[in-house]
PDB file of N, CA and C in Angstrom:
ATOM      1  N   UNK A   1      -3.112 -28.412 -37.932  1.00  0.00           N
ATOM      2  CA  UNK A   1      -2.836 -27.216 -37.146  1.00  0.00           C
ATOM      3  C   UNK A   1      -1.718 -27.476 -36.139  1.00  0.00           C
ATOM      4  N   UNK A   2      -1.771 -28.626 -35.476  1.00  0.00           N
ATOM      5  CA  UNK A   2      -0.749 -28.940 -34.479  1.00  0.00           C
ATOM      6  C   UNK A   2       0.608 -29.120 -35.168  1.00  0.00           C
ATOM      7  N   UNK A   3       0.596 -29.629 -36.385  1.00  0.00           N
ATOM      8  CA  UNK A   3       1.843 -29.814 -37.119  1.00  0.00           C
ATOM      9  C   UNK A   3       2.529 -28.499 -37.423  1.00  0.00           C
ATOM     10  N   UNK A   4       1.740 -27.464 -37.720  1.00  0.00           N
ATOM     11  CA  UNK A   4       2.311 -26.141 -38.005  1.00  0.00           C
ATOM     12  C   UNK A   4       2.958 -25.575 -36.747  1.00  0.00           C
ATOM     13  N   UNK A   5       2.285 -25.700 -35.627  1.00  0.00           N
ATOM     14  CA  UNK A   5       2.835 -25.188 -34.361  1.00  0.00           C
ATOM     15  C   UNK A   5       4.107 -25.945 -34.006  1.00  0.00           C
ATOM     16  N   UNK A   6       4.094 -27.262 -34.173  1.00  0.00           N
ATOM     17  CA  UNK A   6       5.273 -28.072 -33.858  1.00  0.00           C
ATOM     18  C   UNK A   6       6.451 -27.681 -34.759  1.00  0.00           C
ATOM     19  N   UNK A   7       6.200 -27.486 -36.045  1.00  0.00           N
ATOM     20  CA  UNK A   7       7.269 -27.096 -36.968  1.00  0.00           C
ATOM     21  C   UNK A   7       7.812 -25.702 -36.642  1.00  0.00           C
ATOM     22  N   UNK A   8       6.934 -24.802 -36.232  1.00  0.00           N
ATOM     23  CA  UNK A   8       7.368 -23.445 -35.862  1.00  0.00           C
ATOM     24  C   UNK A   8       8.274 -23.498 -34.643  1.00  0.00           C
ATOM     25  N   UNK A   9       7.892 -24.283 -33.623  1.00  0.00           N
ATOM     26  CA  UNK A   9       8.728 -24.399 -32.428  1.00  0.00           C
ATOM     27  C   UNK A   9      10.070 -25.046 -32.766  1.00  0.00           C
ATOM     28  N   UNK A  10      10.074 -26.016 -33.641  1.00  0.00           N
ATOM     29  CA  UNK A  10      11.337 -26.630 -34.043  1.00  0.00           C
ATOM     30  C   UNK A  10      12.240 -25.609 -34.724  1.00  0.00           C
ATOM     31  N   UNK A  11      11.664 -24.791 -35.601  1.00  0.00           N
ATOM     32  CA  UNK A  11      12.456 -23.770 -36.295  1.00  0.00           C
ATOM     33  C   UNK A  11      13.028 -22.763 -35.303  1.00  0.00           C
ATOM     34  N   UNK A  12      12.220 -22.345 -34.340  1.00  0.00           N
ATOM     35  CA  UNK A  12      12.692 -21.386 -33.328  1.00  0.00           C
ATOM     36  C   UNK A  12      13.816 -22.004 -32.513  1.00  0.00           C
ATOM     37  N   UNK A  13      13.658 -23.248 -32.095  1.00  0.00           N
ATOM     38  CA  UNK A  13      14.704 -23.892 -31.300  1.00  0.00           C
ATOM     39  C   UNK A  13      15.984 -24.075 -32.107  1.00  0.00           C
ATOM     40  N   UNK A  14      15.876 -24.377 -33.395  1.00  0.00           N
ATOM     41  CA  UNK A  14      17.069 -24.517 -34.225  1.00  0.00           C
ATOM     42  C   UNK A  14      17.802 -23.190 -34.338  1.00  0.00           C
ATOM     43  N   UNK A  15      17.059 -22.100 -34.519  1.00  0.00           N
ATOM     44  CA  UNK A  15      17.690 -20.778 -34.598  1.00  0.00           C
ATOM     45  C   UNK A  15      18.395 -20.447 -33.291  1.00  0.00           C
ATOM     46  N   UNK A  16      17.774 -20.740 -32.171  1.00  0.00           N
ATOM     47  CA  UNK A  16      18.384 -20.445 -30.869  1.00  0.00           C
ATOM     48  C   UNK A  16      19.661 -21.260 -30.689  1.00  0.00           C
ATOM     49  N   UNK A  17      19.633 -22.538 -31.037  1.00  0.00           N
ATOM     50  CA  UNK A  17      20.815 -23.385 -30.880  1.00  0.00           C
ATOM     51  C   UNK A  17      21.941 -22.903 -31.794  1.00  0.00           C
ATOM     52  N   UNK A  18      21.628 -22.531 -33.022  1.00  0.00           N
ATOM     53  CA  UNK A  18      22.657 -22.051 -33.943  1.00  0.00           C
ATOM     54  C   UNK A  18      23.296 -20.761 -33.420  1.00  0.00           C
ATOM     55  N   UNK A  19      22.484 -19.851 -32.910  1.00  0.00           N
ATOM     56  CA  UNK A  19      23.029 -18.599 -32.375  1.00  0.00           C
ATOM     57  C   UNK A  19      23.920 -18.877 -31.170  1.00  0.00           C
ATOM     58  N   UNK A  20      23.483 -19.760 -30.290  1.00  0.00           N
ATOM     59  CA  UNK A  20      24.300 -20.077 -29.107  1.00  0.00           C
ATOM     60  C   UNK A  20      25.608 -20.758 -29.498  1.00  0.00           C
ATOM     61  N   UNK A  21      25.566 -21.645 -30.480  1.00  0.00           N
ATOM     62  CA  UNK A  21      26.799 -22.296 -30.923  1.00  0.00           C
ATOM     63  C   UNK A  21      27.754 -21.305 -31.578  1.00  0.00           C
ATOM     64  N   UNK A  22      27.221 -20.361 -32.352  1.00  0.00           N
ATOM     65  CA  UNK A  22      28.087 -19.351 -32.966  1.00  0.00           C
ATOM     66  C   UNK A  22      28.777 -18.513 -31.897  1.00  0.00           C
ATOM     67  N   UNK A  23      28.023 -18.133 -30.871  1.00  0.00           N
ATOM     68  CA  UNK A  23      28.611 -17.333 -29.795  1.00  0.00           C
ATOM     69  C   UNK A  23      29.654 -18.137 -29.025  1.00  0.00           C
ATOM     70  N   UNK A  24      29.393 -19.410 -28.832  1.00  0.00           N
ATOM     71  CA  UNK A  24      30.312 -20.237 -28.055  1.00  0.00           C
ATOM     72  C   UNK A  24      31.627 -20.502 -28.773  1.00  0.00           C
ATOM     73  N   UNK A  25      31.592 -20.643 -30.082  1.00  0.00           N
ATOM     74  CA  UNK A  25      32.800 -20.975 -30.828  1.00  0.00           C
ATOM     75  C   UNK A  25      33.470 -19.772 -31.473  1.00  0.00           C
ATOM     76  N   UNK A  26      32.904 -18.608 -31.358  1.00  0.00           N
ATOM     77  CA  UNK A  26      33.533 -17.440 -31.973  1.00  0.00           C
ATOM     78  C   UNK A  26      34.711 -16.993 -31.110  1.00  0.00           C
ATOM     79  N   UNK A  27      35.771 -16.582 -31.791  1.00  0.00           N
ATOM     80  CA  UNK A  27      36.952 -16.094 -31.083  1.00  0.00           C
ATOM     81  C   UNK A  27      36.871 -14.584 -30.992  1.00  0.00           C
ATOM     82  N   UNK A  28      37.004 -14.114 -29.793  1.00  0.00           N
ATOM     83  CA  UNK A  28      36.974 -12.669 -29.591  1.00  0.00           C
ATOM     84  C   UNK A  28      38.405 -12.150 -29.626  1.00  0.00           C
ATOM     85  N   UNK A  29      38.611 -10.989 -30.243  1.00  0.00           N
ATOM     86  CA  UNK A  29      39.962 -10.443 -30.286  1.00  0.00           C
ATOM     87  C   UNK A  29      40.414 -10.008 -28.890  1.00  0.00           C
ATOM     88  N   UNK A  30      41.709 -10.103 -28.666  1.00  0.00           N
ATOM     89  CA  UNK A  30      42.257  -9.709 -27.375  1.00  0.00           C
ATOM     90  C   UNK A  30      42.143  -8.201 -27.210  1.00  0.00           C
ATOM     91  N   UNK A  31      41.879  -7.779 -25.995  1.00  0.00           N
ATOM     92  CA  UNK A  31      41.749  -6.360 -25.707  1.00  0.00           C
ATOM     93  C   UNK A  31      43.154  -5.771 -25.602  1.00  0.00           C
ATOM     94  N   UNK A  32      43.472  -4.747 -26.403  1.00  0.00           N
ATOM     95  CA  UNK A  32      44.812  -4.163 -26.319  1.00  0.00           C
ATOM     96  C   UNK A  32      44.998  -3.420 -24.997  1.00  0.00           C
ATOM     97  N   UNK A  33      46.215  -3.488 -24.487  1.00  0.00           N
ATOM     98  CA  UNK A  33      46.495  -2.782 -23.238  1.00  0.00           C
ATOM     99  C   UNK A  33      46.663  -1.299 -23.527  1.00  0.00           C
ATOM    100  N   UNK A  34      46.369  -0.495 -22.552  1.00  0.00           N
ATOM    101  CA  UNK A  34      46.460   0.959 -22.719  1.00  0.00           C
ATOM    102  C   UNK A  34      47.571   1.483 -21.874  1.00  0.00           C
ATOM    103  N   UNK A  35      48.461   2.268 -22.276  1.00  0.00           N
ATOM    104  CA  UNK A  35      48.720   2.749 -23.626  1.00  0.00           C
ATOM    105  C   UNK A  35      49.407   1.665 -24.455  1.00  0.00           C
ATOM    106  N   UNK A  36      49.290   1.759 -25.752  1.00  0.00           N
ATOM    107  CA  UNK A  36      49.828   0.743 -26.647  1.00  0.00           C
ATOM    108  C   UNK A  36      51.362   0.756 -26.641  1.00  0.00           C
ATOM    109  N   UNK A  37      51.950   1.919 -26.483  1.00  0.00           N
ATOM    110  CA  UNK A  37      53.411   2.030 -26.480  1.00  0.00           C
ATOM    111  C   UNK A  37      53.868   2.323 -25.052  1.00  0.00           C
ATOM    112  N   UNK A  38      54.784   1.524 -24.536  1.00  0.00           N
ATOM    113  CA  UNK A  38      55.261   1.832 -23.184  1.00  0.00           C
ATOM    114  C   UNK A  38      56.036   3.145 -23.185  1.00  0.00           C
ATOM    115  N   UNK A  39      55.821   3.924 -22.169  1.00  0.00           N
ATOM    116  CA  UNK A  39      56.523   5.193 -22.043  1.00  0.00           C
ATOM    117  C   UNK A  39      55.851   6.316 -22.804  1.00  0.00           C
ATOM    118  N   UNK A  40      54.673   6.093 -23.333  1.00  0.00           N
ATOM    119  CA  UNK A  40      53.982   7.151 -24.065  1.00  0.00           C
ATOM    120  C   UNK A  40      53.552   8.229 -23.082  1.00  0.00           C
ATOM    121  N   UNK A  41      53.434   9.435 -23.602  1.00  0.00           N
ATOM    122  CA  UNK A  41      53.053  10.555 -22.749  1.00  0.00           C
ATOM    123  C   UNK A  41      51.641  10.385 -22.254  1.00  0.00           C
ATOM    124  N   UNK A  42      51.447  10.647 -20.979  1.00  0.00           N
ATOM    125  CA  UNK A  42      50.119  10.608 -20.393  1.00  0.00           C
ATOM    126  C   UNK A  42      49.897  11.911 -19.645  1.00  0.00           C
ATOM    127  N   UNK A  43      48.673  12.433 -19.673  1.00  0.00           N
ATOM    128  CA  UNK A  43      48.409  13.672 -18.947  1.00  0.00           C
ATOM    129  C   UNK A  43      48.511  13.440 -17.445  1.00  0.00           C
ATOM    130  N   UNK A  44      48.794  14.514 -16.743  1.00  0.00           N
ATOM    131  CA  UNK A  44      48.899  14.435 -15.291  1.00  0.00           C
ATOM    132  C   UNK A  44      47.539  14.055 -14.703  1.00  0.00           C
ATOM    133  N   UNK A  45      47.521  13.296 -13.621  1.00  0.00           N
ATOM    134  CA  UNK A  45      46.237  12.921 -13.021  1.00  0.00           C
ATOM    135  C   UNK A  45      45.457  14.157 -12.602  1.00  0.00           C
ATOM    136  N   UNK A  46      44.219  14.199 -12.959  1.00  0.00           N
ATOM    137  CA  UNK A  46      43.368  15.318 -12.579  1.00  0.00           C
ATOM    138  C   UNK A  46      43.425  16.492 -13.529  1.00  0.00           C
ATOM    139  N   UNK A  47      44.298  16.462 -14.537  1.00  0.00           N
ATOM    140  CA  UNK A  47      44.417  17.596 -15.438  1.00  0.00           C
ATOM    141  C   UNK A  47      43.187  17.728 -16.328  1.00  0.00           C
ATOM    142  N   UNK A  48      42.488  16.652 -16.560  1.00  0.00           N
ATOM    143  CA  UNK A  48      41.319  16.686 -17.437  1.00  0.00           C
ATOM    144  C   UNK A  48      40.067  17.159 -16.727  1.00  0.00           C
ATOM    145  N   UNK A  49      40.130  17.224 -15.398  1.00  0.00           N
ATOM    146  CA  UNK A  49      38.941  17.607 -14.641  1.00  0.00           C
ATOM    147  C   UNK A  49      38.796  19.128 -14.614  1.00  0.00           C
ATOM    148  N   UNK A  50      37.586  19.627 -14.759  1.00  0.00           N
ATOM    149  CA  UNK A  50      37.393  21.069 -14.675  1.00  0.00           C
ATOM    150  C   UNK A  50      37.543  21.549 -13.230  1.00  0.00           C
ATOM    151  N   UNK A  51      37.761  22.831 -13.103  1.00  0.00           N
ATOM    152  CA  UNK A  51      37.909  23.405 -11.762  1.00  0.00           C
ATOM    153  C   UNK A  51      36.580  23.272 -11.027  1.00  0.00           C
ATOM    154  N   UNK A  52      36.621  22.950  -9.739  1.00  0.00           N
ATOM    155  CA  UNK A  52      35.364  22.794  -9.001  1.00  0.00           C
ATOM    156  C   UNK A  52      34.641  24.132  -8.878  1.00  0.00           C
ATOM    157  N   UNK A  53      33.351  24.100  -9.051  1.00  0.00           N
ATOM    158  CA  UNK A  53      32.557  25.313  -8.917  1.00  0.00           C
ATOM    159  C   UNK A  53      32.014  25.391  -7.497  1.00  0.00           C
ATOM    160  N   UNK A  54      31.985  26.574  -6.931  1.00  0.00           N
ATOM    161  CA  UNK A  54      31.470  26.687  -5.562  1.00  0.00           C
ATOM    162  C   UNK A  54      29.971  26.411  -5.531  1.00  0.00           C
ATOM    163  N   UNK A  55      29.538  25.762  -4.466  1.00  0.00           N
ATOM    164  CA  UNK A  55      28.125  25.448  -4.295  1.00  0.00           C
ATOM    165  C   UNK A  55      27.497  26.547  -3.446  1.00  0.00           C
ATOM    166  N   UNK A  56      26.479  27.183  -3.997  1.00  0.00           N
ATOM    167  CA  UNK A  56      25.804  28.266  -3.304  1.00  0.00           C
ATOM    168  C   UNK A  56      24.421  27.772  -2.892  1.00  0.00           C
ATOM    169  N   UNK A  57      24.150  27.832  -1.601  1.00  0.00           N
ATOM    170  CA  UNK A  57      22.857  27.400  -1.088  1.00  0.00           C
ATOM    171  C   UNK A  57      22.034  28.641  -0.798  1.00  0.00           C
ATOM    172  N   UNK A  58      20.890  28.740  -1.440  1.00  0.00           N
ATOM    173  CA  UNK A  58      20.014  29.889  -1.207  1.00  0.00           C
ATOM    174  C   UNK A  58      18.707  29.394  -0.613  1.00  0.00           C
ATOM    175  N   UNK A  59      18.063  30.258   0.105  1.00  0.00           N
ATOM    176  CA  UNK A  59      16.764  29.934   0.689  1.00  0.00           C
ATOM    177  C   UNK A  59      15.720  29.984  -0.427  1.00  0.00           C
ATOM    178  N   UNK A  60      14.806  29.023  -0.442  1.00  0.00           N
ATOM    179  CA  UNK A  60      13.761  29.077  -1.473  1.00  0.00           C
ATOM    180  C   UNK A  60      12.879  30.303  -1.263  1.00  0.00           C
ATOM    181  N   UNK A  61      12.560  30.960  -2.352  1.00  0.00           N
ATOM    182  CA  UNK A  61      11.739  32.157  -2.249  1.00  0.00           C
ATOM    183  C   UNK A  61      10.288  31.759  -2.001  1.00  0.00           C
ATOM    184  N   UNK A  62       9.649  32.534  -1.157  1.00  0.00           N
ATOM    185  CA  UNK A  62       8.248  32.268  -0.879  1.00  0.00           C
ATOM    186  C   UNK A  62       7.442  32.757  -2.078  1.00  0.00           C
ATOM    187  N   UNK A  63       6.598  31.924  -2.563  1.00  0.00           N
ATOM    188  CA  UNK A  63       5.833  32.262  -3.756  1.00  0.00           C
ATOM    189  C   UNK A  63       4.575  33.024  -3.357  1.00  0.00           C
ATOM    190  N   UNK A  64       4.289  34.127  -4.047  1.00  0.00           N
ATOM    191  CA  UNK A  64       3.110  34.917  -3.673  1.00  0.00           C
ATOM    192  C   UNK A  64       1.806  34.155  -3.883  1.00  0.00           C
ATOM    193  N   UNK A  65       1.743  33.303  -4.870  1.00  0.00           N
ATOM    194  CA  UNK A  65       0.523  32.539  -5.106  1.00  0.00           C
ATOM    195  C   UNK A  65       0.234  31.606  -3.939  1.00  0.00           C
ATOM    196  N   UNK A  66       1.286  31.028  -3.374  1.00  0.00           N
ATOM    197  CA  UNK A  66       1.087  30.163  -2.212  1.00  0.00           C
ATOM    198  C   UNK A  66       0.620  30.965  -1.002  1.00  0.00           C
ATOM    199  N   UNK A  67       1.138  32.190  -0.858  1.00  0.00           N
ATOM    200  CA  UNK A  67       0.686  33.023   0.254  1.00  0.00           C
ATOM    201  C   UNK A  67      -0.789  33.345   0.116  1.00  0.00           C
ATOM    202  N   UNK A  68      -1.201  33.682  -1.104  1.00  0.00           N
ATOM    203  CA  UNK A  68      -2.611  34.005  -1.343  1.00  0.00           C
ATOM    204  C   UNK A  68      -3.470  32.771  -1.103  1.00  0.00           C
ATOM    205  N   UNK A  69      -3.018  31.603  -1.580  1.00  0.00           N
ATOM    206  CA  UNK A  69      -3.787  30.373  -1.380  1.00  0.00           C
ATOM    207  C   UNK A  69      -3.887  30.036   0.099  1.00  0.00           C
ATOM    208  N   UNK A  70      -2.803  30.221   0.845  1.00  0.00           N
ATOM    209  CA  UNK A  70      -2.838  29.942   2.282  1.00  0.00           C
ATOM    210  C   UNK A  70      -3.799  30.898   2.986  1.00  0.00           C
ATOM    211  N   UNK A  71      -3.802  32.178   2.575  1.00  0.00           N
ATOM    212  CA  UNK A  71      -4.709  33.150   3.193  1.00  0.00           C
ATOM    213  C   UNK A  71      -6.161  32.815   2.865  1.00  0.00           C
ATOM    214  N   UNK A  72      -6.437  32.403   1.620  1.00  0.00           N
ATOM    215  CA  UNK A  72      -7.801  32.039   1.255  1.00  0.00           C
ATOM    216  C   UNK A  72      -8.252  30.786   1.998  1.00  0.00           C
ATOM    217  N   UNK A  73      -7.362  29.833   2.183  1.00  0.00           N
ATOM    218  CA  UNK A  73      -7.702  28.616   2.933  1.00  0.00           C
ATOM    219  C   UNK A  73      -8.028  28.970   4.379  1.00  0.00           C
ATOM    220  N   UNK A  74      -7.225  29.853   4.964  1.00  0.00           N
ATOM    221  CA  UNK A  74      -7.482  30.274   6.340  1.00  0.00           C
ATOM    222  C   UNK A  74      -8.810  31.025   6.442  1.00  0.00           C
ATOM    223  N   UNK A  75      -9.103  31.876   5.450  1.00  0.00           N
ATOM    224  CA  UNK A  75     -10.371  32.607   5.435  1.00  0.00           C
ATOM    225  C   UNK A  75     -11.547  31.637   5.308  1.00  0.00           C
ATOM    226  N   UNK A  76     -11.385  30.627   4.437  1.00  0.00           N
ATOM    227  CA  UNK A  76     -12.440  29.624   4.284  1.00  0.00           C
ATOM    228  C   UNK A  76     -12.681  28.848   5.561  1.00  0.00           C
ATOM    229  N   UNK A  77     -11.601  28.481   6.243  1.00  0.00           N
ATOM    230  CA  UNK A  77     -11.750  27.786   7.519  1.00  0.00           C
ATOM    231  C   UNK A  77     -12.464  28.668   8.555  1.00  0.00           C
ATOM    232  N   UNK A  78     -12.152  29.954   8.550  1.00  0.00           N
ATOM    233  CA  UNK A  78     -12.791  30.863   9.492  1.00  0.00           C
ATOM    234  C   UNK A  78     -14.287  31.009   9.184  1.00  0.00           C
ATOM    235  N   UNK A  79     -14.620  31.111   7.879  1.00  0.00           N
ATOM    236  CA  UNK A  79     -16.022  31.232   7.506  1.00  0.00           C
ATOM    237  C   UNK A  79     -16.798  29.980   7.878  1.00  0.00           C
ATOM    238  N   UNK A  80     -16.194  28.814   7.666  1.00  0.00           N
ATOM    239  CA  UNK A  80     -16.852  27.569   8.056  1.00  0.00           C
ATOM    240  C   UNK A  80     -17.039  27.500   9.560  1.00  0.00           C
ATOM    241  N   UNK A  81     -16.041  27.982  10.308  1.00  0.00           N
ATOM    242  CA  UNK A  81     -16.169  28.002  11.770  1.00  0.00           C
ATOM    243  C   UNK A  81     -17.277  28.918  12.232  1.00  0.00           C
ATOM    244  N   UNK A  82     -17.466  30.074  11.557  1.00  0.00           N
ATOM    245  CA  UNK A  82     -18.496  31.016  11.949  1.00  0.00           C
ATOM    246  C   UNK A  82     -19.876  30.438  11.622  1.00  0.00           C
ATOM    247  N   UNK A  83     -20.001  29.792  10.460  1.00  0.00           N
ATOM    248  CA  UNK A  83     -21.293  29.230  10.062  1.00  0.00           C
ATOM    249  C   UNK A  83     -21.717  28.126  11.007  1.00  0.00           C
ATOM    250  N   UNK A  84     -20.804  27.344  11.476  1.00  0.00           N
ATOM    251  CA  UNK A  84     -21.151  26.256  12.407  1.00  0.00           C
ATOM    252  C   UNK A  84     -21.624  26.863  13.703  1.00  0.00           C
TER     253      UNK A  84
END
């Protein structure tokens, strides 16, 4: 049983070492500079951005369900006060 575990760990370590060596020795292609041709047409700065939309701030609407719940809570508190 211990031999199987030892062999499994050896296999895992070999795979890890092989992957790390491949990454270390692989040559990555050079990143091309942008634009590829000097003097190529480029859009004006900011031309790609959409027009800014105005920000409208509105007051949150009071919800009728919350008003009813607040009134019922107040009524319950009053009833509890009367019973005491």
